[in-house]
N, C-alpha and C. Protein backbone atom coordinates (compact mmCIF):
# COMPACT_ATOMS: atom_id res chain seq x y z
N UNK A 1 151.46 179.84 14.70
CA UNK A 1 151.27 178.73 14.27
C UNK A 1 152.14 177.80 14.96
N UNK A 2 152.25 176.29 14.48
CA UNK A 2 152.80 175.47 15.36
C UNK A 2 153.75 174.64 14.43
N UNK A 3 154.86 174.54 14.76
CA UNK A 3 155.74 173.28 13.97
C UNK A 3 155.79 171.91 14.50
N UNK A 4 155.93 171.03 14.17
CA UNK A 4 156.70 169.43 14.55
C UNK A 4 157.94 169.67 14.51
N UNK A 5 157.95 169.15 15.45
CA UNK A 5 159.54 168.65 15.43
C UNK A 5 160.69 168.35 13.96
N UNK A 6 159.86 167.56 13.43
CA UNK A 6 160.08 167.07 12.15
C UNK A 6 160.12 168.14 11.15
N UNK A 7 158.89 168.67 10.98
CA UNK A 7 158.62 170.14 10.30
C UNK A 7 160.25 171.02 10.19
N UNK A 8 160.35 171.37 11.54
CA UNK A 8 161.56 172.42 12.01
C UNK A 8 163.03 171.36 11.60
N UNK A 9 163.25 170.54 11.89
CA UNK A 9 163.93 169.88 11.40
C UNK A 9 164.21 169.69 9.35
N UNK A 10 163.70 169.33 9.14
CA UNK A 10 162.85 169.63 7.46
C UNK A 10 163.74 171.08 7.05
N UNK A 11 162.90 172.23 7.80
CA UNK A 11 163.03 173.56 7.31
C UNK A 11 164.34 173.84 6.98
N UNK A 12 165.23 173.22 8.54
CA UNK A 12 166.72 173.41 8.99
C UNK A 12 167.61 172.89 7.70
N UNK A 13 167.02 171.56 7.62
CA UNK A 13 167.72 170.76 6.75
C UNK A 13 167.97 171.31 5.13
N UNK A 14 167.40 171.94 4.59
CA UNK A 14 166.69 172.45 3.42
C UNK A 14 167.60 173.79 3.81
N UNK A 15 167.62 174.33 4.07
CA UNK A 15 167.82 175.73 4.41
C UNK A 15 169.66 175.53 4.40
N UNK A 16 169.70 174.57 4.81
CA UNK A 16 171.24 174.17 4.65
C UNK A 16 172.10 173.78 4.02
N UNK A 17 170.99 172.81 3.32
CA UNK A 17 171.30 172.59 1.50
C UNK A 17 171.41 173.23 0.38
N UNK A 18 170.68 174.17 0.95
CA UNK A 18 170.50 175.83 -0.02
C UNK A 18 172.03 176.44 -0.06
N UNK A 19 172.30 176.30 1.28
CA UNK A 19 173.33 177.32 1.10
C UNK A 19 174.32 176.85 1.18
N UNK A 20 174.65 175.36 1.43
CA UNK A 20 176.08 174.90 0.61
C UNK A 20 175.92 174.51 -0.85
N UNK A 21 174.91 174.54 -1.57
CA UNK A 21 174.87 174.50 -3.20
C UNK A 21 175.77 175.54 -3.43
N UNK A 22 174.59 176.84 -2.64
CA UNK A 22 175.51 178.58 -3.52
C UNK A 22 176.87 178.32 -3.17
N UNK A 23 176.97 178.00 -2.03
CA UNK A 23 178.97 178.32 -1.68
C UNK A 23 179.55 177.34 -2.11
N UNK A 24 179.08 176.51 -2.68
CA UNK A 24 179.83 175.14 -3.41
C UNK A 24 180.16 175.66 -4.85
N UNK A 25 179.40 176.53 -5.27
CA UNK A 25 179.69 176.48 -6.51
C UNK A 25 179.94 178.28 -7.00
N UNK A 26 181.44 178.58 -6.47
CA UNK A 26 182.04 180.07 -6.15
C UNK A 26 182.22 179.97 -7.41
N UNK A 27 181.75 181.63 -8.18
CA UNK A 27 181.76 181.94 -8.99
C UNK A 27 182.85 182.59 -9.45
N UNK A 28 183.62 182.96 -7.96
CA UNK A 28 184.67 184.33 -7.65
C UNK A 28 185.70 183.83 -9.01
N UNK A 29 186.24 184.82 -9.93
CA UNK A 29 186.79 184.77 -10.78
C UNK A 29 186.76 185.65 -12.07
N UNK A 30 187.40 185.60 -12.99
CA UNK A 30 187.61 186.67 -14.09
C UNK A 30 186.77 185.64 -15.33
N UNK A 31 186.14 186.12 -15.92
CA UNK A 31 184.89 185.17 -16.94
C UNK A 31 185.00 186.32 -18.32
N UNK A 32 185.15 185.39 -19.39
CA UNK A 32 185.07 185.56 -20.65
C UNK A 32 183.59 185.51 -21.33
N UNK A 33 183.01 186.44 -22.25
CA UNK A 33 181.14 186.82 -22.38
C UNK A 33 181.34 186.45 -23.66
N UNK A 34 180.72 185.97 -24.54
CA UNK A 34 180.31 185.57 -25.80
C UNK A 34 180.01 187.55 -26.51
N UNK A 35 179.97 188.70 -25.67
CA UNK A 35 180.03 190.06 -26.61
C UNK A 35 181.15 190.29 -26.24
N UNK A 36 182.40 189.57 -25.82
CA UNK A 36 183.56 189.98 -26.14
C UNK A 36 184.11 190.67 -24.69
N UNK A 37 183.36 190.83 -23.60
CA UNK A 37 183.86 191.64 -22.85
C UNK A 37 184.30 190.78 -21.73
N UNK A 38 184.83 191.20 -20.52
CA UNK A 38 185.30 190.71 -19.65
C UNK A 38 184.80 190.85 -18.38
N UNK A 39 184.21 190.29 -17.77
CA UNK A 39 183.49 190.23 -16.67
C UNK A 39 184.19 189.77 -14.62
N UNK A 40 185.00 190.53 -13.95
CA UNK A 40 185.08 190.27 -13.06
C UNK A 40 183.54 189.83 -11.75
N UNK A 41 183.80 188.93 -11.27
CA UNK A 41 182.41 188.40 -10.80
C UNK A 41 183.14 187.94 -9.36
N UNK A 42 182.58 188.15 -8.32
CA UNK A 42 182.82 187.97 -6.69
C UNK A 42 181.49 187.41 -6.31
N UNK A 43 181.67 186.20 -5.38
CA UNK A 43 180.52 185.58 -4.94
C UNK A 43 180.62 185.17 -2.86
N UNK A 44 180.10 186.02 -2.73
CA UNK A 44 180.05 186.07 -1.23
C UNK A 44 178.74 185.25 -0.40
N UNK A 45 179.00 184.27 -0.52
CA UNK A 45 177.66 182.97 0.40
C UNK A 45 176.98 182.99 -1.02
N UNK A 46 175.85 183.45 -1.01
CA UNK A 46 174.89 183.26 -2.01
C UNK A 46 174.63 184.12 -2.91
N UNK A 47 175.70 185.26 -2.81
CA UNK A 47 174.91 186.41 -3.36
C UNK A 47 176.30 187.37 -4.46
N UNK A 48 175.80 187.60 -5.24
CA UNK A 48 176.48 187.46 -6.69
C UNK A 48 176.78 189.00 -6.97
N UNK A 49 178.45 189.70 -7.05
CA UNK A 49 178.51 190.79 -7.88
C UNK A 49 179.27 190.85 -8.48
N UNK A 50 179.05 191.51 -10.02
CA UNK A 50 180.24 191.98 -11.06
C UNK A 50 180.13 192.88 -11.35
N UNK A 51 181.45 193.06 -12.31
CA UNK A 51 181.66 194.21 -13.66
C UNK A 51 182.05 193.55 -14.46
N UNK A 52 181.17 194.50 -15.38
CA UNK A 52 181.62 193.52 -16.93
C UNK A 52 182.14 195.16 -17.71
N UNK A 53 183.61 194.72 -18.51
CA UNK A 53 184.07 195.64 -19.34
C UNK A 53 184.21 195.33 -20.45
N UNK A 54 183.43 195.99 -21.32
CA UNK A 54 183.59 195.88 -22.99
C UNK A 54 184.44 197.10 -23.54
N UNK A 55 185.76 196.83 -23.27
CA UNK A 55 186.28 197.99 -23.79
C UNK A 55 186.13 199.33 -24.49
N UNK A 56 184.86 200.42 -23.75
CA UNK A 56 184.78 201.26 -24.50
C UNK A 56 183.07 201.56 -24.72
N UNK A 57 183.24 199.80 -25.23
CA UNK A 57 181.40 199.96 -25.94
C UNK A 57 180.37 199.73 -24.55
N UNK A 58 180.88 198.96 -23.95
CA UNK A 58 179.69 199.07 -22.50
C UNK A 58 181.08 198.96 -21.28
N UNK A 59 180.00 199.33 -20.03
CA UNK A 59 180.54 199.03 -19.14
C UNK A 59 179.40 198.51 -18.00
N UNK A 60 179.46 197.36 -17.17
CA UNK A 60 178.28 197.57 -16.12
C UNK A 60 178.68 196.65 -15.26
N UNK A 61 177.55 197.03 -14.19
CA UNK A 61 177.80 196.21 -12.85
C UNK A 61 176.60 195.48 -12.54
N UNK A 62 176.41 194.52 -11.89
CA UNK A 62 175.40 193.78 -11.92
C UNK A 62 175.96 192.94 -9.91
N UNK A 63 174.40 193.07 -9.72
CA UNK A 63 174.25 192.46 -8.16
C UNK A 63 172.88 191.53 -8.08
N UNK A 64 173.07 190.22 -7.14
CA UNK A 64 171.78 189.30 -7.56
C UNK A 64 172.22 188.54 -6.51
N UNK A 65 171.60 187.03 -6.80
CA UNK A 65 171.90 186.01 -5.87
C UNK A 65 171.58 184.73 -6.09
N UNK A 66 171.70 183.48 -5.56
CA UNK A 66 171.46 182.34 -6.00
C UNK A 66 169.43 182.06 -5.62
N UNK A 67 168.84 181.90 -6.26
CA UNK A 67 167.38 180.98 -6.22
C UNK A 67 167.35 179.78 -6.99
N UNK A 68 168.01 178.96 -5.89
CA UNK A 68 167.96 177.43 -6.72
C UNK A 68 169.02 177.01 -7.66
N UNK A 69 168.85 176.27 -8.77
CA UNK A 69 169.27 176.38 -9.40
C UNK A 69 169.85 177.58 -10.48
N UNK A 70 169.24 178.56 -10.22
CA UNK A 70 169.80 179.37 -11.41
C UNK A 70 170.55 180.91 -10.31
N UNK A 71 170.79 182.08 -10.79
CA UNK A 71 171.40 183.09 -10.29
C UNK A 71 171.08 184.55 -11.26
N UNK A 72 170.00 185.14 -10.00
CA UNK A 72 168.90 186.16 -10.94
C UNK A 72 169.72 187.37 -10.39
N UNK A 73 170.26 187.95 -11.44
CA UNK A 73 171.09 189.42 -11.02
C UNK A 73 170.14 190.82 -11.46
N UNK A 74 170.72 191.70 -11.27
CA UNK A 74 170.18 193.07 -11.47
C UNK A 74 171.47 193.96 -12.31
N UNK A 75 171.35 194.49 -13.54
CA UNK A 75 172.27 194.89 -14.08
C UNK A 75 172.36 196.41 -14.28
N UNK A 76 173.23 197.15 -14.66
CA UNK A 76 172.74 198.29 -15.04
C UNK A 76 174.33 198.83 -15.80
N UNK A 77 174.29 199.30 -16.97
CA UNK A 77 175.37 200.17 -17.55
C UNK A 77 176.44 201.61 -16.44
N UNK A 78 177.47 201.37 -16.32
CA UNK A 78 178.05 202.78 -16.23
C UNK A 78 178.35 203.40 -17.01
N UNK A 79 179.14 205.18 -16.25
CA UNK A 79 179.36 205.78 -17.57
C UNK A 79 180.56 205.50 -18.37
N UNK A 80 181.54 204.38 -17.75
CA UNK A 80 182.83 204.12 -18.18
C UNK A 80 182.57 203.57 -19.74
N UNK A 81 181.13 203.30 -20.26
CA UNK A 81 181.01 202.59 -21.73
C UNK A 81 180.36 203.87 -21.57
N UNK A 82 180.13 203.76 -23.17
CA UNK A 82 178.94 204.08 -24.14
C UNK A 82 177.35 203.93 -24.06
N UNK A 83 177.08 202.72 -23.20
CA UNK A 83 175.90 202.01 -23.37
C UNK A 83 175.33 202.97 -22.03
N UNK A 84 173.93 202.80 -22.37
CA UNK A 84 173.02 203.33 -21.26
C UNK A 84 172.09 202.39 -21.11
N UNK A 85 172.02 201.39 -20.47
CA UNK A 85 170.71 200.27 -20.09
C UNK A 85 170.57 199.88 -19.28
N UNK A 86 169.66 199.34 -18.74
CA UNK A 86 169.77 198.70 -17.10
C UNK A 86 168.59 197.48 -17.79
N UNK A 87 168.84 196.24 -16.69
CA UNK A 87 167.81 195.55 -16.66
C UNK A 87 167.88 193.87 -15.69
N UNK A 88 167.18 193.10 -15.97
CA UNK A 88 167.21 191.75 -15.15
C UNK A 88 168.47 190.46 -15.95
N UNK A 89 168.21 189.92 -15.39
CA UNK A 89 169.58 188.71 -16.30
C UNK A 89 169.36 187.64 -15.01
N UNK A 90 169.02 186.35 -16.22
CA UNK A 90 169.13 184.91 -14.67
C UNK A 90 169.65 184.18 -15.76
N UNK A 91 171.07 183.70 -15.14
CA UNK A 91 171.77 182.47 -15.25
C UNK A 91 171.88 181.14 -15.10
N UNK A 92 172.21 180.64 -15.82
CA UNK A 92 172.32 179.25 -15.16
C UNK A 92 174.05 178.38 -15.25
N UNK A 93 174.29 177.69 -14.07
CA UNK A 93 175.63 176.99 -14.41
C UNK A 93 175.41 175.63 -15.17
N UNK A 94 176.03 175.87 -16.13
CA UNK A 94 175.79 174.61 -16.52
C UNK A 94 176.86 173.53 -16.32
N UNK A 95 178.27 173.99 -15.96
CA UNK A 95 179.08 173.08 -15.14
C UNK A 95 179.97 174.46 -14.50
N UNK A 96 181.03 174.27 -13.87
CA UNK A 96 181.71 175.19 -13.44
C UNK A 96 182.78 176.56 -13.96
N UNK A 97 182.62 175.91 -15.04
CA UNK A 97 183.43 176.93 -15.81
C UNK A 97 182.45 177.80 -17.35
N UNK A 98 180.98 177.21 -16.88
CA UNK A 98 180.50 178.12 -17.84
C UNK A 98 179.23 178.37 -17.43
N UNK A 99 179.01 179.60 -17.52
CA UNK A 99 177.20 180.08 -17.19
C UNK A 99 176.77 180.82 -18.09
N UNK A 100 175.05 180.21 -18.64
CA UNK A 100 174.71 180.20 -19.69
C UNK A 100 173.26 181.29 -19.31
N UNK A 101 172.83 182.23 -20.25
CA UNK A 101 171.36 183.06 -19.82
C UNK A 101 170.27 182.63 -20.56
N UNK A 102 169.42 182.30 -19.38
CA UNK A 102 168.53 181.98 -19.39
C UNK A 102 167.52 182.86 -19.81
N UNK A 103 167.66 184.01 -19.45
CA UNK A 103 166.49 185.18 -19.70
C UNK A 103 167.45 186.71 -19.38
N UNK A 104 167.14 187.78 -20.52
CA UNK A 104 168.11 188.87 -19.89
C UNK A 104 167.19 189.66 -20.68
N UNK A 105 166.83 190.96 -19.78
CA UNK A 105 166.25 192.21 -20.39
C UNK A 105 167.09 193.09 -20.59
N UNK A 106 166.46 194.30 -21.04
CA UNK A 106 167.41 195.76 -21.17
C UNK A 106 168.00 195.53 -22.25
N UNK A 107 167.82 194.61 -23.36
CA UNK A 107 169.36 194.58 -24.48
C UNK A 107 170.01 193.78 -24.16
N UNK A 108 170.58 193.34 -22.72
CA UNK A 108 171.77 192.66 -22.31
C UNK A 108 172.46 191.80 -23.52
N UNK A 109 173.57 191.92 -23.94
CA UNK A 109 174.26 190.73 -25.34
C UNK A 109 174.60 189.78 -24.74
N UNK A 110 175.42 189.69 -23.65
CA UNK A 110 175.88 188.14 -23.54
C UNK A 110 175.05 187.23 -23.40
N UNK A 111 175.36 186.13 -23.77
CA UNK A 111 174.41 184.84 -23.64
C UNK A 111 175.30 183.68 -22.73
N UNK A 112 176.92 183.63 -22.87
CA UNK A 112 178.00 182.75 -22.16
C UNK A 112 178.84 183.25 -21.73
N UNK A 113 179.08 182.47 -20.58
CA UNK A 113 180.38 183.40 -19.78
C UNK A 113 181.32 182.15 -19.74
N UNK A 114 182.41 182.07 -19.78
CA UNK A 114 183.37 181.29 -19.98
C UNK A 114 184.74 181.53 -18.86
N UNK A 115 184.86 180.94 -17.80
CA UNK A 115 186.44 181.18 -16.83
C UNK A 115 187.06 181.19 -17.50
N UNK A 116 188.00 181.98 -17.13
CA UNK A 116 189.56 182.46 -17.56
C UNK A 116 190.33 181.80 -16.58
């Protein structure tokens, strides 16, 4: 398959803009969620990791990445808490201090996260 010079430049520019938007929205920090939990989030480029602590009722970990305007994460409860579920969650950043769940599976409880 042959690409024209203009097509290659367009691909490079779109890739650069996507990477820049992901890194410009740095989520690293401590977040409080509507389920009462505290979430410790780390962003590395377009990848997102978290540990969520619900004070004994649940503890979970998640890994995912930016996909355009949202973040898709796979999460699982860990033995520190009583819950034993897993699933997927899709988040949207409403502003730099607020994340909102667009979709969640596995009975995930939180719907809103606020940066602390």
